[in-house]
C-alpha atoms as a PDB file:
ATOM      1  CA  TRP A   1      16.989  18.878   3.568  1.00  0.00           C
ATOM      2  CA  HIS A   2      14.050  20.245   1.537  1.00  0.00           C
ATOM      3  CA  HIS A   3      11.624  18.746   4.049  1.00  0.00           C
ATOM      4  CA  ARG A   4      13.394  20.462   6.988  1.00  0.00           C
ATOM      5  CA  LEU A   5      13.470  23.735   5.058  1.00  0.00           C
ATOM      6  CA  GLY A   6       9.751  23.373   4.334  1.00  0.00           C
ATOM      7  CA  LYS A   7       9.023  22.911   8.032  1.00  0.00           C
ATOM      8  CA  ALA A   8      11.071  25.999   8.900  1.00  0.00           C
ATOM      9  CA  LEU A   9       9.360  28.127   6.248  1.00  0.00           C
ATOM     10  CA  GLU A  10       5.956  26.840   7.356  1.00  0.00           C
ATOM     11  CA  ALA A  11       6.761  27.858  10.933  1.00  0.00           C
ATOM     12  CA  LEU A  12       7.680  31.324   9.685  1.00  0.00           C
ATOM     13  CA  GLY A  13       4.368  31.629   7.854  1.00  0.00           C
ATOM     14  CA  ASP A  14       5.909  31.440   4.366  1.00  0.00           C
ATOM     15  CA  THR A  15       3.391  29.002   2.898  1.00  0.00           C
ATOM     16  CA  ALA A  16       4.505  29.548  -0.706  1.00  0.00           C
ATOM     17  CA  GLY A  17       8.141  28.869   0.214  1.00  0.00           C
ATOM     18  CA  ALA A  18       7.158  25.876   2.323  1.00  0.00           C
ATOM     19  CA  LEU A  19       5.072  24.476  -0.533  1.00  0.00           C
ATOM     20  CA  GLN A  20       8.006  24.793  -2.926  1.00  0.00           C
ATOM     21  CA  SER A  21      10.344  23.010  -0.492  1.00  0.00           C
ATOM     22  CA  TYR A  22       7.849  20.206   0.183  1.00  0.00           C
ATOM     23  CA  GLU A  23       7.321  19.767  -3.564  1.00  0.00           C
ATOM     24  CA  LYS A  24      11.094  19.306  -4.013  1.00  0.00           C
ATOM     25  CA  SER A  25      11.143  16.903  -1.072  1.00  0.00           C
ATOM     26  CA  HIS A  26       8.236  15.019  -2.654  1.00  0.00           C
ATOM     27  CA  VAL A  27      10.129  14.503  -5.936  1.00  0.00           C
ATOM     28  CA  ILE A  28      13.230  13.236  -4.116  1.00  0.00           C
ATOM     29  CA  ARG A  29      11.304  10.963  -1.766  1.00  0.00           C
ATOM     30  CA  GLU A  30       9.205   9.484  -4.568  1.00  0.00           C
ATOM     31  CA  ALA A  31      12.421   8.684  -6.436  1.00  0.00           C
ATOM     32  CA  LEU A  32      13.845   6.987  -3.329  1.00  0.00           C
ATOM     33  CA  VAL A  33      10.703   4.879  -2.945  1.00  0.00           C
ATOM     34  CA  ALA A  34      10.728   4.000  -6.653  1.00  0.00           C
ATOM     35  CA  ALA A  35      14.372   2.878  -6.347  1.00  0.00           C
ATOM     36  CA  ASN A  36      13.661   0.776  -3.259  1.00  0.00           C
ATOM     37  CA  PRO A  37       9.909   0.181  -2.839  1.00  0.00           C
ATOM     38  CA  LYS A  38      10.312  -2.067   0.206  1.00  0.00           C
ATOM     39  CA  ASP A  39      12.211   0.508   2.267  1.00  0.00           C
ATOM     40  CA  GLU A  40       9.727   1.285   5.053  1.00  0.00           C
ATOM     41  CA  ARG A  41      11.581   4.414   6.221  1.00  0.00           C
ATOM     42  CA  SER A  42      11.489   5.979   2.746  1.00  0.00           C
ATOM     43  CA  ARG A  43       7.807   5.166   2.382  1.00  0.00           C
ATOM     44  CA  ALA A  44       7.042   6.653   5.811  1.00  0.00           C
ATOM     45  CA  ASP A  45       8.998   9.787   4.890  1.00  0.00           C
ATOM     46  CA  LEU A  46       7.056  10.060   1.642  1.00  0.00           C
ATOM     47  CA  ALA A  47       3.750   9.733   3.516  1.00  0.00           C
ATOM     48  CA  GLU A  48       4.871  12.549   5.809  1.00  0.00           C
ATOM     49  CA  THR A  49       5.696  14.737   2.811  1.00  0.00           C
ATOM     50  CA  TYR A  50       2.277  14.019   1.279  1.00  0.00           C
ATOM     51  CA  ASN A  51       0.738  15.009   4.595  1.00  0.00           C
ATOM     52  CA  LYS A  52       2.714  18.264   4.702  1.00  0.00           C
ATOM     53  CA  LEU A  53       1.727  19.092   1.117  1.00  0.00           C
ATOM     54  CA  GLY A  54      -1.909  18.550   2.069  1.00  0.00           C
ATOM     55  CA  SER A  55      -1.551  20.738   5.130  1.00  0.00           C
ATOM     56  CA  ILE A  56       0.012  23.591   3.143  1.00  0.00           C
ATOM     57  CA  GLN A  57      -2.638  23.347   0.416  1.00  0.00           C
ATOM     58  CA  LEU A  58      -5.296  23.554   3.119  1.00  0.00           C
ATOM     59  CA  GLN A  59      -3.667  26.670   4.593  1.00  0.00           C
ATOM     60  CA  MET A  60      -3.753  28.185   1.105  1.00  0.00           C
ATOM     61  CA  GLY A  61      -7.501  27.486   0.857  1.00  0.00           C
ATOM     62  CA  LYS A  62      -7.108  24.749  -1.764  1.00  0.00           C
ATOM     63  CA  GLN A  63      -9.316  22.114  -0.193  1.00  0.00           C
ATOM     64  CA  ASN A  64      -9.468  19.737  -3.164  1.00  0.00           C
ATOM     65  CA  ASP A  65      -5.695  19.769  -3.611  1.00  0.00           C
ATOM     66  CA  ALA A  66      -5.305  19.210   0.127  1.00  0.00           C
ATOM     67  CA  LEU A  67      -7.592  16.176  -0.036  1.00  0.00           C
ATOM     68  CA  THR A  68      -5.621  14.736  -2.959  1.00  0.00           C
ATOM     69  CA  TRP A  69      -2.365  14.834  -0.978  1.00  0.00           C
ATOM     70  CA  LEU A  70      -3.946  13.684   2.272  1.00  0.00           C
ATOM     71  CA  ARG A  71      -5.558  10.723   0.516  1.00  0.00           C
ATOM     72  CA  LYS A  72      -2.156   9.764  -0.941  1.00  0.00           C
ATOM     73  CA  ALA A  73      -0.738   9.936   2.580  1.00  0.00           C
ATOM     74  CA  LEU A  74      -3.617   7.792   3.874  1.00  0.00           C
ATOM     75  CA  GLU A  75      -3.035   5.098   1.243  1.00  0.00           C
ATOM     76  CA  LEU A  76       0.648   4.896   2.138  1.00  0.00           C
ATOM     77  CA  ARG A  77      -0.180   4.870   5.851  1.00  0.00           C
ATOM     78  CA  LYS A  78      -2.592   1.971   5.233  1.00  0.00           C
ATOM     79  CA  GLU A  79       0.134   0.007   3.460  1.00  0.00           C
ATOM     80  CA  LEU A  80       2.681   0.765   6.175  1.00  0.00           C
ATOM     81  CA  ALA A  81       0.272  -0.196   8.962  1.00  0.00           C
ATOM     82  CA  ALA A  82      -0.675  -3.427   7.175  1.00  0.00           C
ATOM     83  CA  SER A  83       2.940  -4.479   6.661  1.00  0.00           C
ATOM     84  CA  ALA A  84       3.936  -3.470  10.208  1.00  0.00           C
ATOM     85  CA  GLY A  85       0.978  -5.260  11.773  1.00  0.00           C
ATOM     86  CA  PRO A  86      -1.418  -4.268  14.562  1.00  0.00           C
ATOM     87  CA  ASP A  87       1.289  -4.357  17.250  1.00  0.00           C
ATOM     88  CA  ASP A  88       3.243  -1.484  15.672  1.00  0.00           C
ATOM     89  CA  ARG A  89       1.640   1.344  17.626  1.00  0.00           C
ATOM     90  CA  ASP A  90       3.428   4.129  15.745  1.00  0.00           C
ATOM     91  CA  ALA A  91       2.195   2.855  12.376  1.00  0.00           C
ATOM     92  CA  GLN A  92      -1.335   2.467  13.762  1.00  0.00           C
ATOM     93  CA  MET A  93      -1.248   5.953  15.318  1.00  0.00           C
ATOM     94  CA  ASN A  94      -0.074   7.494  12.031  1.00  0.00           C
ATOM     95  CA  LEU A  95      -2.914   5.724  10.220  1.00  0.00           C
ATOM     96  CA  ALA A  96      -5.486   6.995  12.722  1.00  0.00           C
ATOM     97  CA  ILE A  97      -4.117  10.534  12.396  1.00  0.00           C
ATOM     98  CA  ALA A  98      -4.373  10.255   8.598  1.00  0.00           C
ATOM     99  CA  TYR A  99      -8.054   9.320   8.829  1.00  0.00           C
ATOM    100  CA  ASP A 100      -8.607  12.149  11.298  1.00  0.00           C
ATOM    101  CA  GLY A 101      -6.972  14.728   9.009  1.00  0.00           C
ATOM    102  CA  ILE A 102      -9.130  13.782   6.050  1.00  0.00           C
ATOM    103  CA  GLY A 103     -12.194  13.854   8.302  1.00  0.00           C
ATOM    104  CA  ASP A 104     -11.335  17.417   9.323  1.00  0.00           C
ATOM    105  CA  VAL A 105     -11.024  18.628   5.724  1.00  0.00           C
ATOM    106  CA  LEU A 106     -14.250  16.919   4.660  1.00  0.00           C
ATOM    107  CA  ALA A 107     -16.137  18.291   7.666  1.00  0.00           C
ATOM    108  CA  ASP A 108     -14.912  21.817   6.904  1.00  0.00           C
ATOM    109  CA  GLY A 109     -16.184  21.361   3.358  1.00  0.00           C
ATOM    110  CA  GLY A 110     -19.595  20.168   4.531  1.00  0.00           C
ATOM    111  CA  VAL A 111     -19.097  16.605   3.269  1.00  0.00           C
ATOM    112  CA  PHE A 112     -20.420  15.287   6.549  1.00  0.00           C
ATOM    113  CA  GLU A 113     -21.133  11.607   5.837  1.00  0.00           C
ATOM    114  CA  LEU A 114     -17.643  10.966   4.459  1.00  0.00           C
ATOM    115  CA  ALA A 115     -16.140  13.001   7.278  1.00  0.00           C
ATOM    116  CA  LEU A 116     -17.956  10.798   9.785  1.00  0.00           C
ATOM    117  CA  ASP A 117     -16.643   7.650   8.090  1.00  0.00           C
ATOM    118  CA  ASN A 118     -13.057   8.889   8.336  1.00  0.00           C
ATOM    119  CA  ASN A 119     -13.365  10.089  11.917  1.00  0.00           C
ATOM    120  CA  ARG A 120     -14.990   6.814  12.947  1.00  0.00           C
ATOM    121  CA  ASP A 121     -12.179   4.846  11.261  1.00  0.00           C
ATOM    122  CA  GLY A 122      -9.660   6.929  13.203  1.00  0.00           C
ATOM    123  CA  LEU A 123     -11.620   6.448  16.425  1.00  0.00           C
ATOM    124  CA  ALA A 124     -11.628   2.661  15.992  1.00  0.00           C
ATOM    125  CA  ILE A 125      -7.833   2.633  15.697  1.00  0.00           C
ATOM    126  CA  PHE A 126      -7.389   4.947  18.691  1.00  0.00           C
ATOM    127  CA  GLU A 127      -9.655   2.622  20.695  1.00  0.00           C
ATOM    128  CA  SER A 128      -7.557  -0.398  19.681  1.00  0.00           C
ATOM    129  CA  LEU A 129      -4.396   1.398  20.746  1.00  0.00           C
ATOM    130  CA  HIS A 130      -6.029   2.298  24.052  1.00  0.00           C
ATOM    131  CA  ALA A 131      -7.117  -1.313  24.600  1.00  0.00           C
ATOM    132  CA  ALA A 132      -3.497  -2.416  24.114  1.00  0.00           C
ATOM    133  CA  ASP A 133      -2.139   0.295  26.436  1.00  0.00           C
ATOM    134  CA  PRO A 134      -4.957   1.636  28.676  1.00  0.00           C
ATOM    135  CA  LYS A 135      -2.767   4.013  30.678  1.00  0.00           C
ATOM    136  CA  HIS A 136      -1.278   5.863  27.716  1.00  0.00           C
ATOM    137  CA  PRO A 137      -2.675   9.422  27.962  1.00  0.00           C
ATOM    138  CA  ARG A 138      -2.199  10.206  24.266  1.00  0.00           C
ATOM    139  CA  TYR A 139      -4.576   7.430  23.212  1.00  0.00           C
ATOM    140  CA  ARG A 140      -7.181   8.453  25.772  1.00  0.00           C
ATOM    141  CA  ARG A 141      -6.973  12.078  24.685  1.00  0.00           C
ATOM    142  CA  ALA A 142      -7.221  11.089  21.001  1.00  0.00           C
ATOM    143  CA  ILE A 143     -10.388   9.078  21.695  1.00  0.00           C
ATOM    144  CA  SER A 144     -11.932  12.049  23.488  1.00  0.00           C
ATOM    145  CA  ILE A 145     -11.029  14.438  20.659  1.00  0.00           C
ATOM    146  CA  GLU A 146     -12.447  12.058  18.063  1.00  0.00           C
ATOM    147  CA  HIS A 147     -15.752  11.785  19.952  1.00  0.00           C
ATOM    148  CA  LYS A 148     -15.945  15.584  20.057  1.00  0.00           C
ATOM    149  CA  LYS A 149     -15.187  15.877  16.336  1.00  0.00           C
ATOM    150  CA  ILE A 150     -17.849  13.285  15.529  1.00  0.00           C
ATOM    151  CA  GLY A 151     -20.211  15.176  17.848  1.00  0.00           C
ATOM    152  CA  GLY A 152     -19.472  18.409  16.005  1.00  0.00           C
ATOM    153  CA  ILE A 153     -20.228  16.846  12.646  1.00  0.00           C
ATOM    154  CA  LEU A 154     -23.472  15.342  13.929  1.00  0.00           C
ATOM    155  CA  GLU A 155     -24.415  18.700  15.425  1.00  0.00           C
ATOM    156  CA  ALA A 156     -23.793  20.411  12.075  1.00  0.00           C
ATOM    157  CA  MET A 157     -26.049  17.783  10.483  1.00  0.00           C
ATOM    158  CA  GLY A 158     -28.811  18.640  12.963  1.00  0.00           C
ATOM    159  CA  LYS A 159     -28.579  15.259  14.724  1.00  0.00           C
ATOM    160  CA  LEU A 160     -28.437  16.806  18.171  1.00  0.00           C
ATOM    161  CA  ASP A 161     -29.256  13.723  20.246  1.00  0.00           C
ATOM    162  CA  LEU A 162     -26.464  11.753  18.585  1.00  0.00           C
ATOM    163  CA  ALA A 163     -24.099  14.716  18.932  1.00  0.00           C
ATOM    164  CA  LEU A 164     -24.871  14.970  22.635  1.00  0.00           C
ATOM    165  CA  GLY A 165     -24.109  11.265  23.033  1.00  0.00           C
ATOM    166  CA  GLU A 166     -20.663  11.747  21.465  1.00  0.00           C
ATOM    167  CA  TYR A 167     -19.889  14.730  23.698  1.00  0.00           C
ATOM    168  CA  GLN A 168     -20.980  12.708  26.738  1.00  0.00           C
ATOM    169  CA  LYS A 169     -18.565   9.920  25.742  1.00  0.00           C
ATOM    170  CA  ALA A 170     -15.711  12.448  25.728  1.00  0.00           C
ATOM    171  CA  LEU A 171     -16.523  14.074  29.052  1.00  0.00           C
ATOM    172  CA  PRO A 172     -15.329  11.367  31.519  1.00  0.00           C
ATOM    173  CA  THR A 173     -11.979  11.092  29.759  1.00  0.00           C
ATOM    174  CA  ASP A 174     -11.492  14.854  29.760  1.00  0.00           C
ATOM    175  CA  GLU A 175     -12.416  15.024  33.456  1.00  0.00           C
ATOM    176  CA  ALA A 176     -10.011  12.197  34.282  1.00  0.00           C
ATOM    177  CA  LEU A 177      -7.141  13.773  32.337  1.00  0.00           C
ATOM    178  CA  VAL A 178      -7.668  17.109  34.089  1.00  0.00           C
ATOM    179  CA  ALA A 179      -7.828  15.397  37.490  1.00  0.00           C
ATOM    180  CA  GLU A 180      -4.571  13.551  36.748  1.00  0.00           C
ATOM    181  CA  ASP A 181      -2.739  16.701  35.660  1.00  0.00           C
ATOM    182  CA  PRO A 182      -4.570  19.815  36.895  1.00  0.00           C
END
């Protein structure tokens, strides 16, 4: 209930109210995981709450707090993906998204090398998902976005040739997606 309320308040722009609701959700979900640590659903819900807390902290301009929550989400996502195995595409996608989110925060803060590491980890997972299901548009789009994010980081670092290479890797996918659904 607190998680749903947090989402509603976030949508309304009430970040303080959303933060309070997510914090209550966090306490409840941590207790559920502590009571039954092998319950995958509870652990996935807790990872989602960590992610939401990170997102709200970021909106409030608290980058370090955001990273703390997003890293907690990433660790849980790693555990969930490992226990689910490489064939669980949802768990793998959530893990890739977790890497991507941390990469975004680090890039915004100018921590470029670590941002690149996270974005490249996310890219590798998106590429694995694409290899398993080449026609899935979400995986193709995610790969393109990740190349552009990596390109943006490299550009900010002054590595223009490498940045151009990343943008060029994204272009054919973007052209194909537009051609498929103009």
